Amino acid sequence: MHLTHTLALVLPALTAAQDVQKPLIQQAGDWINSLRGYIPTTVPAVPSALKSPVAASTAKIAAKKVTPLTMSNYESVLTPDPSSPKSPQEWMVFVTGGNKTCGGHCARLEREWNETASLLALDATSPSLASIDCDREGALCSTWMAKPPTIWHISRPVAGAGQSTPASTVYVNYFNVTHSTAGDMVALHSGKKYEEGVLNEGWFDPFDGQLAKLGVNKAVGWALFGIGLVPSWAFMIVISMVSRTIIARRNGPNPAVQQREAERRATGRNPPLGGAPPANE
């Protein structure tokens, strides 16, 4: 019993004495190696409940796309899906442009629109989103008579079985290029501010206007787009020629010219160039 206690006291002393004899650097190395056993070599997985909500928001934002509209796809894209239980089906269409149609002033509003798309992606009741670039789709903007920067709020009801398609509702909302924000755009949906815009009920209504019903709205749009490509000086020349022709016809022929023409026909001779008509013989 006494021997056991004696060894228990002597062994630590011998170990300490042995450690004293080791160089200091070697002792530090042994100490560091002993600590490595307490350091985990793998990073534990983060529970799904503790993940940042940014990942979930990003997934929703990615699912909320903005569809570019063209002359060839706007009818199929905006046509209501009869299998969808939602009626009316709503769209927000952002009409923008570049240097040609917006004078380069729509760049800031395009950034606000992108932020709007991110905010509306978090709302399950938000409308579908689309956009029109009038620099690239000038014929489509002429067909709709759409000008940037505007947002068109379109409500298209779904026709029931055996029923004709109900009329669509289109509101055009104008935005200030310097002061309008994403909050103003979101309020079109969240606060129904789109009803404060201009209700489109004219001939150029892209869905229920007279031109669309007659099937000539695209032809008229292409014609207006082509006219817009003609330089202004060419119009001035055409207008000048037409106006002179109209004035000449309104005033009638010159009596002196009529008299000389009658005399020429009576004598059967042409008057000398630059001189008076010949006397009657």
Protein backbone atom coordinates (compact mmCIF):
# COMPACT_ATOMS: atom_id res chain seq x y z
CA MET A 1 0.00 0.00 0.00
CA HIS A 2 2.79 2.40 0.90
CA LEU A 3 4.65 1.35 -2.26
CA THR A 4 1.71 2.27 -4.47
CA HIS A 5 1.46 5.71 -2.94
CA THR A 6 5.17 6.17 -3.30
CA LEU A 7 5.12 5.27 -7.03
CA ALA A 8 2.18 7.60 -7.61
CA LEU A 9 4.20 10.45 -6.22
CA VAL A 10 7.49 9.53 -7.83
CA LEU A 11 6.34 8.91 -11.44
CA PRO A 12 5.05 12.48 -12.08
CA ALA A 13 8.28 13.81 -10.68
CA LEU A 14 10.32 11.57 -12.98
CA THR A 15 8.17 12.61 -15.95
CA ALA A 16 8.61 16.27 -15.10
CA ALA A 17 12.34 15.77 -14.73
CA GLN A 18 12.44 14.05 -18.13
CA ASP A 19 10.45 16.95 -19.67
CA VAL A 20 12.90 19.43 -18.22
CA GLN A 21 15.68 17.66 -20.06
CA LYS A 22 13.81 17.98 -23.45
CA PRO A 23 14.49 21.07 -25.54
CA LEU A 24 11.85 23.78 -25.28
CA ILE A 25 10.90 23.55 -28.99
CA GLN A 26 10.30 19.79 -28.69
CA GLN A 27 8.10 20.33 -25.65
CA ALA A 28 6.04 22.89 -27.57
CA GLY A 29 5.64 20.43 -30.44
CA ASP A 30 4.41 17.72 -28.11
CA TRP A 31 1.93 20.13 -26.55
CA ILE A 32 0.53 21.17 -29.94
CA ASN A 33 0.18 17.55 -31.04
CA SER A 34 -1.79 16.77 -27.90
CA LEU A 35 -4.22 19.60 -28.75
CA ARG A 36 -4.88 18.33 -32.26
CA GLY A 37 -6.97 15.53 -30.88
CA TYR A 38 -9.48 18.05 -29.59
CA ILE A 39 -9.84 19.96 -32.91
CA PRO A 40 -12.59 18.56 -35.24
CA THR A 41 -11.37 17.80 -38.75
CA THR A 42 -14.78 18.17 -40.48
CA VAL A 43 -17.28 21.02 -40.40
CA PRO A 44 -20.70 19.83 -39.24
CA ALA A 45 -23.57 20.38 -41.64
CA VAL A 46 -25.79 23.35 -40.91
CA PRO A 47 -29.33 22.26 -40.13
CA SER A 48 -31.89 23.35 -42.70
CA ALA A 49 -33.78 25.29 -40.04
CA LEU A 50 -30.71 27.46 -39.41
CA LYS A 51 -30.01 28.33 -43.04
CA SER A 52 -30.22 31.94 -44.10
CA PRO A 53 -33.63 32.97 -45.52
CA VAL A 54 -31.76 34.48 -48.48
CA ALA A 55 -31.54 31.02 -50.07
CA ALA A 56 -35.29 30.54 -49.96
CA SER A 57 -35.89 34.05 -51.29
CA THR A 58 -33.45 33.47 -54.11
CA ALA A 59 -35.30 30.34 -55.15
CA LYS A 60 -38.57 32.24 -55.29
CA ILE A 61 -36.97 35.08 -57.24
CA ALA A 62 -35.55 32.66 -59.77
CA ALA A 63 -39.00 31.16 -60.29
CA LYS A 64 -40.55 34.57 -61.01
CA LYS A 65 -39.41 35.35 -64.53
CA VAL A 66 -40.03 38.34 -66.75
CA THR A 67 -41.10 37.26 -70.25
CA PRO A 68 -39.90 39.46 -73.13
CA LEU A 69 -42.78 40.13 -75.52
CA THR A 70 -42.31 40.28 -79.29
CA MET A 71 -44.57 40.78 -82.29
CA SER A 72 -44.70 37.02 -82.81
CA ASN A 73 -45.29 35.78 -79.25
CA TYR A 74 -47.36 38.37 -77.39
CA GLU A 75 -50.72 36.85 -78.35
CA SER A 76 -49.78 33.33 -77.24
CA VAL A 77 -48.06 34.51 -74.06
CA LEU A 78 -50.92 36.74 -72.92
CA THR A 79 -53.73 34.37 -73.91
CA PRO A 80 -55.47 33.09 -70.74
CA ASP A 81 -54.89 29.46 -69.84
CA PRO A 82 -58.34 27.80 -69.66
CA SER A 83 -57.00 25.07 -67.36
CA SER A 84 -55.94 27.59 -64.73
CA PRO A 85 -58.38 28.10 -61.86
CA LYS A 86 -57.38 31.76 -61.58
CA SER A 87 -59.63 34.21 -63.41
CA PRO A 88 -58.98 36.85 -64.47
CA GLN A 89 -55.33 36.19 -65.20
CA GLU A 90 -53.28 39.31 -64.57
CA TRP A 91 -50.12 40.62 -66.18
CA MET A 92 -47.84 43.57 -65.53
CA VAL A 93 -46.02 44.55 -68.72
CA PHE A 94 -43.14 47.02 -68.40
CA VAL A 95 -42.69 49.08 -71.58
CA THR A 96 -39.15 50.43 -71.81
CA GLY A 97 -36.71 51.62 -74.43
CA GLY A 98 -33.20 52.82 -75.12
CA ASN A 99 -31.78 55.89 -76.81
CA LYS A 100 -34.18 55.80 -79.77
CA THR A 101 -37.50 55.57 -77.94
CA CYS A 102 -36.73 56.69 -74.39
CA GLY A 103 -33.82 59.07 -74.95
CA GLY A 104 -31.63 57.01 -72.64
CA HIS A 105 -33.77 57.95 -69.61
CA CYS A 106 -35.24 54.51 -68.87
CA ALA A 107 -32.07 52.93 -67.45
CA ARG A 108 -32.87 53.93 -63.87
CA LEU A 109 -36.45 52.69 -64.14
CA GLU A 110 -35.21 49.38 -65.52
CA ARG A 111 -33.23 48.87 -62.32
CA GLU A 112 -36.34 49.73 -60.31
CA TRP A 113 -38.31 47.24 -62.40
CA ASN A 114 -35.79 44.48 -61.64
CA GLU A 115 -36.18 45.20 -57.94
CA THR A 116 -39.95 45.15 -58.38
CA ALA A 117 -39.74 41.71 -59.94
CA SER A 118 -37.76 40.50 -56.92
CA LEU A 119 -40.29 41.90 -54.46
CA LEU A 120 -43.32 40.56 -56.32
CA ALA A 121 -41.70 37.13 -56.44
CA LEU A 122 -42.32 36.84 -52.70
CA ASP A 123 -46.06 37.41 -53.18
CA ALA A 124 -47.98 34.34 -54.32
CA THR A 125 -50.88 36.52 -55.53
CA SER A 126 -48.75 38.79 -57.71
CA PRO A 127 -49.44 38.95 -61.46
CA SER A 128 -47.24 37.48 -64.14
CA LEU A 129 -44.52 39.79 -65.46
CA ALA A 130 -43.49 40.70 -68.99
CA SER A 131 -41.59 43.49 -70.74
CA ILE A 132 -41.37 45.21 -74.13
CA ASP A 133 -38.25 46.97 -75.41
CA CYS A 134 -39.51 49.53 -77.94
CA ASP A 135 -36.01 49.95 -79.38
CA ARG A 136 -36.07 46.30 -80.44
CA GLU A 137 -39.83 45.80 -80.89
CA GLY A 138 -40.84 49.06 -82.49
CA ALA A 139 -43.59 47.42 -84.56
CA LEU A 140 -45.17 45.92 -81.43
CA CYS A 141 -45.10 49.29 -79.64
CA SER A 142 -46.75 50.84 -82.72
CA THR A 143 -49.40 48.11 -82.73
CA TRP A 144 -50.22 48.78 -79.08
CA MET A 145 -49.54 52.53 -79.35
CA ALA A 146 -47.32 51.96 -76.31
CA LYS A 147 -44.74 54.49 -75.20
CA PRO A 148 -42.00 54.08 -72.58
CA PRO A 149 -41.77 54.28 -69.66
CA THR A 150 -45.13 52.75 -68.77
CA ILE A 151 -46.51 49.67 -67.06
CA TRP A 152 -49.56 48.04 -68.59
CA HIS A 153 -51.76 46.17 -66.12
CA ILE A 154 -53.70 43.58 -68.11
CA SER A 155 -56.58 41.48 -66.73
CA ARG A 156 -57.77 38.71 -69.04
CA PRO A 157 -60.77 36.65 -67.86
CA VAL A 158 -61.07 32.96 -68.69
CA ALA A 159 -64.08 32.03 -70.81
CA GLY A 160 -66.40 29.42 -69.38
CA ALA A 161 -67.64 26.37 -71.24
CA GLY A 162 -69.65 27.40 -74.28
CA GLN A 163 -69.11 31.10 -73.58
CA SER A 164 -67.36 33.76 -75.60
CA THR A 165 -64.19 35.27 -74.21
CA PRO A 166 -65.02 38.18 -71.87
CA ALA A 167 -63.49 41.55 -72.55
CA SER A 168 -60.06 42.25 -71.13
CA THR A 169 -59.22 45.26 -68.97
CA VAL A 170 -56.07 47.22 -69.73
CA TYR A 171 -54.76 50.12 -67.64
CA VAL A 172 -51.75 52.15 -68.74
CA ASN A 173 -49.68 53.66 -65.91
CA TYR A 174 -47.03 56.29 -66.61
CA PHE A 175 -43.90 56.73 -64.49
CA ASN A 176 -41.52 59.58 -63.83
CA VAL A 177 -38.01 58.77 -65.03
CA THR A 178 -36.35 60.59 -62.13
CA HIS A 179 -38.62 60.06 -59.11
CA SER A 180 -40.56 56.80 -59.54
CA THR A 181 -39.34 53.86 -57.44
CA ALA A 182 -39.86 50.14 -57.11
CA GLY A 183 -42.30 50.89 -54.30
CA ASP A 184 -44.50 52.80 -56.75
CA MET A 185 -44.45 49.84 -59.13
CA VAL A 186 -45.23 47.29 -56.42
CA ALA A 187 -48.14 49.47 -55.27
CA LEU A 188 -49.82 48.89 -58.63
CA HIS A 189 -50.55 45.38 -57.38
CA SER A 190 -50.50 45.64 -53.60
CA GLY A 191 -52.62 48.82 -53.45
CA LYS A 192 -54.42 48.40 -56.79
CA LYS A 193 -52.94 51.70 -57.90
CA TYR A 194 -53.18 50.52 -61.49
CA GLU A 195 -56.84 51.63 -61.46
CA GLU A 196 -55.57 55.22 -61.27
CA GLY A 197 -53.99 54.82 -64.70
CA VAL A 198 -55.53 55.39 -68.13
CA LEU A 199 -58.11 52.79 -69.17
CA ASN A 200 -57.30 51.65 -72.71
CA GLU A 201 -60.56 51.38 -74.64
CA GLY A 202 -59.66 52.72 -78.07
CA TRP A 203 -59.21 51.20 -81.49
CA PHE A 204 -55.66 50.21 -80.61
CA ASP A 205 -56.62 48.04 -77.64
CA PRO A 206 -54.39 45.00 -78.34
CA PHE A 207 -57.13 42.51 -77.41
CA ASP A 208 -60.60 44.01 -77.82
CA GLY A 209 -60.02 47.06 -80.01
CA GLN A 210 -61.68 47.35 -83.42
CA LEU A 211 -58.37 46.85 -85.24
CA ALA A 212 -57.68 43.67 -83.28
CA LYS A 213 -61.19 42.35 -83.95
CA LEU A 214 -60.77 43.02 -87.67
CA GLY A 215 -57.36 41.34 -87.63
CA VAL A 216 -55.55 44.36 -89.09
CA ASN A 217 -53.88 45.70 -85.95
CA LYS A 218 -50.52 44.16 -86.81
CA ALA A 219 -50.63 45.49 -90.38
CA VAL A 220 -51.43 48.97 -89.07
CA GLY A 221 -48.64 48.63 -86.52
CA TRP A 222 -46.10 47.72 -89.19
CA ALA A 223 -47.31 50.63 -91.36
CA LEU A 224 -46.97 53.14 -88.52
CA PHE A 225 -43.58 51.73 -87.65
CA GLY A 226 -42.43 52.14 -91.27
CA ILE A 227 -43.71 55.71 -91.37
CA GLY A 228 -41.77 56.43 -88.22
CA LEU A 229 -38.57 55.40 -89.99
CA VAL A 230 -39.01 58.04 -92.71
CA PRO A 231 -36.97 61.19 -91.93
CA SER A 232 -38.88 64.39 -91.23
CA TRP A 233 -37.38 66.29 -94.19
CA ALA A 234 -38.91 63.77 -96.60
CA PHE A 235 -42.34 64.46 -95.13
CA MET A 236 -41.80 68.19 -95.58
CA ILE A 237 -41.01 67.74 -99.28
CA VAL A 238 -44.08 65.57 -99.86
CA ILE A 239 -46.33 67.97 -97.95
CA SER A 240 -44.96 70.92 -99.94
CA MET A 241 -45.61 69.21 -103.29
CA VAL A 242 -49.11 68.14 -102.33
CA SER A 243 -50.03 71.56 -100.99
CA ARG A 244 -48.88 73.29 -104.19
CA THR A 245 -50.89 70.90 -106.31
CA ILE A 246 -54.01 71.49 -104.23
CA ILE A 247 -53.59 75.28 -104.38
CA ALA A 248 -53.08 75.22 -108.13
CA ARG A 249 -56.22 73.17 -108.69
CA ARG A 250 -58.23 75.36 -106.35
CA ASN A 251 -57.23 78.60 -108.11
CA GLY A 252 -57.93 77.15 -111.55
CA PRO A 253 -56.01 77.73 -114.84
CA ASN A 254 -54.66 81.15 -115.87
CA PRO A 255 -57.05 82.97 -118.28
CA ALA A 256 -54.18 84.34 -120.38
CA VAL A 257 -52.80 80.85 -120.84
CA GLN A 258 -56.24 79.60 -121.84
CA GLN A 259 -56.56 82.37 -124.48
CA ARG A 260 -53.20 81.62 -126.04
CA GLU A 261 -54.00 77.91 -126.10
CA ALA A 262 -57.31 78.62 -127.87
CA GLU A 263 -55.60 80.79 -130.47
CA ARG A 264 -53.00 78.15 -131.14
CA ARG A 265 -55.62 75.56 -131.76
CA ALA A 266 -57.56 77.89 -134.05
CA THR A 267 -54.59 78.75 -136.29
CA GLY A 268 -52.90 75.41 -136.05
CA ARG A 269 -49.55 77.10 -135.46
CA ASN A 270 -47.43 77.19 -132.35
CA PRO A 271 -46.40 80.63 -131.12
CA PRO A 272 -42.69 81.48 -131.30
CA LEU A 273 -40.76 80.75 -128.16
CA GLY A 274 -40.49 83.79 -125.98
CA GLY A 275 -42.62 85.94 -128.31
CA ALA A 276 -46.20 87.05 -128.63
CA PRO A 277 -48.78 84.76 -130.25
CA PRO A 278 -49.14 85.28 -134.04
CA ALA A 279 -51.83 87.61 -135.35
CA ASN A 280 -54.87 86.12 -136.94
CA GLU A 281 -54.70 86.09 -140.77
